[in-house]
């Protein structure tokens, strides 16, 4: 993989991580915990797992 493609992929993943984290943090705690089984306070770890594996 060329440096250009590596950088492009890294930037895309970073943007997806931040977008996912913001969306999780924006959820009301009641909705997130009761309906989705997510804790919005763990948004950082959840987004990292979702994007980077």
PDB file of N, CA and C in Angstrom:
ATOM      1  N   UNK A   1       0.859  -1.174   0.000  1.00  0.00           N
ATOM      2  CA  UNK A   1       0.000   0.000   0.000  1.00  0.00           C
ATOM      3  C   UNK A   1       0.900   1.231   0.000  1.00  0.00           C
ATOM      4  N   UNK A   2       0.589   2.170  -0.855  1.00  0.00           N
ATOM      5  CA  UNK A   2       1.396   3.386  -0.937  1.00  0.00           C
ATOM      6  C   UNK A   2       1.125   4.292   0.265  1.00  0.00           C
ATOM      7  N   UNK A   3       2.026   5.207   0.492  1.00  0.00           N
ATOM      8  CA  UNK A   3       1.883   6.137   1.612  1.00  0.00           C
ATOM      9  C   UNK A   3       0.608   6.967   1.454  1.00  0.00           C
ATOM     10  N   UNK A   4       0.273   7.323   0.225  1.00  0.00           N
ATOM     11  CA  UNK A   4      -0.939   8.103  -0.030  1.00  0.00           C
ATOM     12  C   UNK A   4      -2.178   7.329   0.409  1.00  0.00           C
ATOM     13  N   UNK A   5      -2.260   6.063   0.000  1.00  0.00           N
ATOM     14  CA  UNK A   5      -3.429   5.258   0.353  1.00  0.00           C
ATOM     15  C   UNK A   5      -3.484   4.996   1.856  1.00  0.00           C
ATOM     16  N   UNK A   6      -2.333   4.779   2.467  1.00  0.00           N
ATOM     17  CA  UNK A   6      -2.284   4.566   3.914  1.00  0.00           C
ATOM     18  C   UNK A   6      -2.795   5.805   4.650  1.00  0.00           C
ATOM     19  N   UNK A   7      -2.318   6.992   4.240  1.00  0.00           N
ATOM     20  CA  UNK A   7      -2.736   8.239   4.887  1.00  0.00           C
ATOM     21  C   UNK A   7      -4.222   8.496   4.662  1.00  0.00           C
ATOM     22  N   UNK A   8      -4.690   8.252   3.458  1.00  0.00           N
ATOM     23  CA  UNK A   8      -6.108   8.450   3.143  1.00  0.00           C
ATOM     24  C   UNK A   8      -6.980   7.529   3.995  1.00  0.00           C
ATOM     25  N   UNK A   9      -6.571   6.272   4.136  1.00  0.00           N
ATOM     26  CA  UNK A   9      -7.310   5.314   4.952  1.00  0.00           C
ATOM     27  C   UNK A   9      -7.293   5.722   6.425  1.00  0.00           C
ATOM     28  N   UNK A  10      -6.142   6.158   6.910  1.00  0.00           N
ATOM     29  CA  UNK A  10      -6.025   6.571   8.317  1.00  0.00           C
ATOM     30  C   UNK A  10      -6.915   7.776   8.609  1.00  0.00           C
ATOM     31  N   UNK A  11      -6.951   8.741   7.711  1.00  0.00           N
ATOM     32  CA  UNK A  11      -7.796   9.921   7.908  1.00  0.00           C
ATOM     33  C   UNK A  11      -9.281   9.564   7.864  1.00  0.00           C
ATOM     34  N   UNK A  12      -9.638   8.655   6.982  1.00  0.00           N
ATOM     35  CA  UNK A  12     -11.039   8.234   6.889  1.00  0.00           C
ATOM     36  C   UNK A  12     -11.467   7.510   8.169  1.00  0.00           C
ATOM     37  N   UNK A  13     -10.600   6.646   8.690  1.00  0.00           N
ATOM     38  CA  UNK A  13     -10.926   5.941   9.932  1.00  0.00           C
ATOM     39  C   UNK A  13     -11.011   6.911  11.100  1.00  0.00           C
ATOM     40  N   UNK A  14     -10.126   7.888  11.144  1.00  0.00           N
ATOM     41  CA  UNK A  14     -10.151   8.878  12.223  1.00  0.00           C
ATOM     42  C   UNK A  14     -11.461   9.660  12.199  1.00  0.00           C
ATOM     43  N   UNK A  15     -11.896  10.059  11.001  1.00  0.00           N
ATOM     44  CA  UNK A  15     -13.159  10.792  10.869  1.00  0.00           C
ATOM     45  C   UNK A  15     -14.332   9.916  11.292  1.00  0.00           C
ATOM     46  N   UNK A  16     -14.309   8.648  10.895  1.00  0.00           N
ATOM     47  CA  UNK A  16     -15.384   7.727  11.272  1.00  0.00           C
ATOM     48  C   UNK A  16     -15.406   7.512  12.780  1.00  0.00           C
ATOM     49  N   UNK A  17     -14.228   7.406  13.403  1.00  0.00           N
ATOM     50  CA  UNK A  17     -14.138   7.247  14.852  1.00  0.00           C
ATOM     51  C   UNK A  17     -14.780   8.438  15.559  1.00  0.00           C
ATOM     52  N   UNK A  18     -14.415   9.653  15.150  1.00  0.00           N
ATOM     53  CA  UNK A  18     -14.955  10.846  15.800  1.00  0.00           C
ATOM     54  C   UNK A  18     -16.462  10.980  15.576  1.00  0.00           C
ATOM     55  N   UNK A  19     -16.927  10.648  14.381  1.00  0.00           N
ATOM     56  CA  UNK A  19     -18.358  10.705  14.083  1.00  0.00           C
ATOM     57  C   UNK A  19     -19.118   9.695  14.957  1.00  0.00           C
ATOM     58  N   UNK A  20     -18.606   8.485  15.053  1.00  0.00           N
ATOM     59  CA  UNK A  20     -19.245   7.447  15.861  1.00  0.00           C
ATOM     60  C   UNK A  20     -19.262   7.836  17.330  1.00  0.00           C
ATOM     61  N   UNK A  21     -18.150   8.354  17.813  1.00  0.00           N
ATOM     62  CA  UNK A  21     -18.066   8.759  19.224  1.00  0.00           C
ATOM     63  C   UNK A  21     -19.064   9.871  19.542  1.00  0.00           C
ATOM     64  N   UNK A  22     -19.151  10.870  18.654  1.00  0.00           N
ATOM     65  CA  UNK A  22     -20.105  11.973  18.875  1.00  0.00           C
ATOM     66  C   UNK A  22     -21.534  11.463  18.892  1.00  0.00           C
ATOM     67  N   UNK A  23     -21.858  10.542  17.988  1.00  0.00           N
ATOM     68  CA  UNK A  23     -23.225  10.017  17.934  1.00  0.00           C
ATOM     69  C   UNK A  23     -23.577   9.241  19.199  1.00  0.00           C
ATOM     70  N   UNK A  24     -22.648   8.458  19.701  1.00  0.00           N
ATOM     71  CA  UNK A  24     -22.905   7.700  20.930  1.00  0.00           C
ATOM     72  C   UNK A  24     -23.049   8.645  22.112  1.00  0.00           C
ATOM     73  N   UNK A  25     -22.174   9.626  22.204  1.00  0.00           N
ATOM     74  CA  UNK A  25     -22.229  10.583  23.312  1.00  0.00           C
ATOM     75  C   UNK A  25     -23.497  11.428  23.282  1.00  0.00           C
ATOM     76  N   UNK A  26     -24.081  11.609  22.103  1.00  0.00           N
ATOM     77  CA  UNK A  26     -25.283  12.430  21.969  1.00  0.00           C
ATOM     78  C   UNK A  26     -26.550  11.690  22.397  1.00  0.00           C
ATOM     79  N   UNK A  27     -26.481  10.375  22.520  1.00  0.00           N
ATOM     80  CA  UNK A  27     -27.651   9.597  22.928  1.00  0.00           C
ATOM     81  C   UNK A  27     -28.010   9.904  24.375  1.00  0.00           C
ATOM     82  N   UNK A  28     -29.294   9.886  24.658  1.00  0.00           N
ATOM     83  CA  UNK A  28     -29.698  10.048  26.058  1.00  0.00           C
ATOM     84  C   UNK A  28     -29.289   8.774  26.792  1.00  0.00           C
ATOM     85  N   UNK A  29     -28.837   8.890  28.026  1.00  0.00           N
ATOM     86  CA  UNK A  29     -28.402   7.704  28.769  1.00  0.00           C
ATOM     87  C   UNK A  29     -29.495   6.637  28.886  1.00  0.00           C
ATOM     88  N   UNK A  30     -30.727   7.055  29.054  1.00  0.00           N
ATOM     89  CA  UNK A  30     -31.822   6.091  29.182  1.00  0.00           C
ATOM     90  C   UNK A  30     -31.986   5.289  27.896  1.00  0.00           C
ATOM     91  N   UNK A  31     -32.024   5.969  26.772  1.00  0.00           N
ATOM     92  CA  UNK A  31     -32.167   5.292  25.486  1.00  0.00           C
ATOM     93  C   UNK A  31     -30.979   4.383  25.227  1.00  0.00           C
ATOM     94  N   UNK A  32     -29.789   4.887  25.455  1.00  0.00           N
ATOM     95  CA  UNK A  32     -28.586   4.116  25.165  1.00  0.00           C
ATOM     96  C   UNK A  32     -28.500   2.857  26.008  1.00  0.00           C
ATOM     97  N   UNK A  33     -28.763   2.976  27.289  1.00  0.00           N
ATOM     98  CA  UNK A  33     -28.612   1.835  28.191  1.00  0.00           C
ATOM     99  C   UNK A  33     -29.760   0.847  28.048  1.00  0.00           C
ATOM    100  N   UNK A  34     -30.991   1.331  28.104  1.00  0.00           N
ATOM    101  CA  UNK A  34     -32.144   0.430  28.099  1.00  0.00           C
ATOM    102  C   UNK A  34     -32.423  -0.176  26.722  1.00  0.00           C
ATOM    103  N   UNK A  35     -32.355   0.623  25.673  1.00  0.00           N
ATOM    104  CA  UNK A  35     -32.724   0.130  24.348  1.00  0.00           C
ATOM    105  C   UNK A  35     -31.556  -0.475  23.579  1.00  0.00           C
ATOM    106  N   UNK A  36     -30.383   0.128  23.690  1.00  0.00           N
ATOM    107  CA  UNK A  36     -29.249  -0.315  22.880  1.00  0.00           C
ATOM    108  C   UNK A  36     -28.213  -1.110  23.660  1.00  0.00           C
ATOM    109  N   UNK A  37     -28.268  -1.036  24.968  1.00  0.00           N
ATOM    110  CA  UNK A  37     -27.297  -1.750  25.779  1.00  0.00           C
ATOM    111  C   UNK A  37     -25.923  -1.106  25.760  1.00  0.00           C
ATOM    112  N   UNK A  38     -25.881   0.178  25.460  1.00  0.00           N
ATOM    113  CA  UNK A  38     -24.614   0.917  25.424  1.00  0.00           C
ATOM    114  C   UNK A  38     -24.563   1.902  26.576  1.00  0.00           C
ATOM    115  N   UNK A  39     -23.383   2.129  27.082  1.00  0.00           N
ATOM    116  CA  UNK A  39     -23.194   3.163  28.087  1.00  0.00           C
ATOM    117  C   UNK A  39     -22.514   4.343  27.395  1.00  0.00           C
ATOM    118  N   UNK A  40     -23.175   5.497  27.290  1.00  0.00           N
ATOM    119  CA  UNK A  40     -22.593   6.630  26.575  1.00  0.00           C
ATOM    120  C   UNK A  40     -21.274   7.100  27.180  1.00  0.00           C
ATOM    121  N   UNK A  41     -21.030   6.735  28.440  1.00  0.00           N
ATOM    122  CA  UNK A  41     -19.771   7.126  29.063  1.00  0.00           C
ATOM    123  C   UNK A  41     -18.607   6.275  28.549  1.00  0.00           C
ATOM    124  N   UNK A  42     -18.913   5.180  27.875  1.00  0.00           N
ATOM    125  CA  UNK A  42     -17.901   4.326  27.259  1.00  0.00           C
ATOM    126  C   UNK A  42     -17.784   4.591  25.755  1.00  0.00           C
ATOM    127  N   UNK A  43     -18.237   5.737  25.309  1.00  0.00           N
ATOM    128  CA  UNK A  43     -18.272   6.049  23.881  1.00  0.00           C
ATOM    129  C   UNK A  43     -16.900   5.928  23.229  1.00  0.00           C
ATOM    130  N   UNK A  44     -15.875   6.333  23.928  1.00  0.00           N
ATOM    131  CA  UNK A  44     -14.517   6.281  23.380  1.00  0.00           C
ATOM    132  C   UNK A  44     -14.129   4.835  23.037  1.00  0.00           C
ATOM    133  N   UNK A  45     -14.326   3.922  23.973  1.00  0.00           N
ATOM    134  CA  UNK A  45     -13.959   2.527  23.761  1.00  0.00           C
ATOM    135  C   UNK A  45     -14.855   1.864  22.715  1.00  0.00           C
ATOM    136  N   UNK A  46     -16.136   2.184  22.742  1.00  0.00           N
ATOM    137  CA  UNK A  46     -17.080   1.594  21.788  1.00  0.00           C
ATOM    138  C   UNK A  46     -16.740   2.034  20.365  1.00  0.00           C
ATOM    139  N   UNK A  47     -16.475   3.317  20.187  1.00  0.00           N
ATOM    140  CA  UNK A  47     -16.132   3.834  18.852  1.00  0.00           C
ATOM    141  C   UNK A  47     -14.818   3.244  18.365  1.00  0.00           C
ATOM    142  N   UNK A  48     -13.849   3.118  19.257  1.00  0.00           N
ATOM    143  CA  UNK A  48     -12.550   2.548  18.866  1.00  0.00           C
ATOM    144  C   UNK A  48     -12.721   1.116  18.387  1.00  0.00           C
ATOM    145  N   UNK A  49     -13.499   0.320  19.129  1.00  0.00           N
ATOM    146  CA  UNK A  49     -13.746  -1.071  18.735  1.00  0.00           C
ATOM    147  C   UNK A  49     -14.499  -1.156  17.405  1.00  0.00           C
ATOM    148  N   UNK A  50     -15.466  -0.271  17.223  1.00  0.00           N
ATOM    149  CA  UNK A  50     -16.280  -0.298  16.010  1.00  0.00           C
ATOM    150  C   UNK A  50     -15.475   0.055  14.767  1.00  0.00           C
ATOM    151  N   UNK A  51     -14.546   0.991  14.896  1.00  0.00           N
ATOM    152  CA  UNK A  51     -13.801   1.463  13.729  1.00  0.00           C
ATOM    153  C   UNK A  51     -12.511   0.679  13.507  1.00  0.00           C
ATOM    154  N   UNK A  52     -11.765   0.467  14.561  1.00  0.00           N
ATOM    155  CA  UNK A  52     -10.441  -0.142  14.425  1.00  0.00           C
ATOM    156  C   UNK A  52     -10.401  -1.639  14.716  1.00  0.00           C
ATOM    157  N   UNK A  53     -11.486  -2.134  15.256  1.00  0.00           N
ATOM    158  CA  UNK A  53     -11.545  -3.571  15.534  1.00  0.00           C
ATOM    159  C   UNK A  53     -11.116  -3.945  16.915  1.00  0.00           C
TER     160      UNK A  53
END
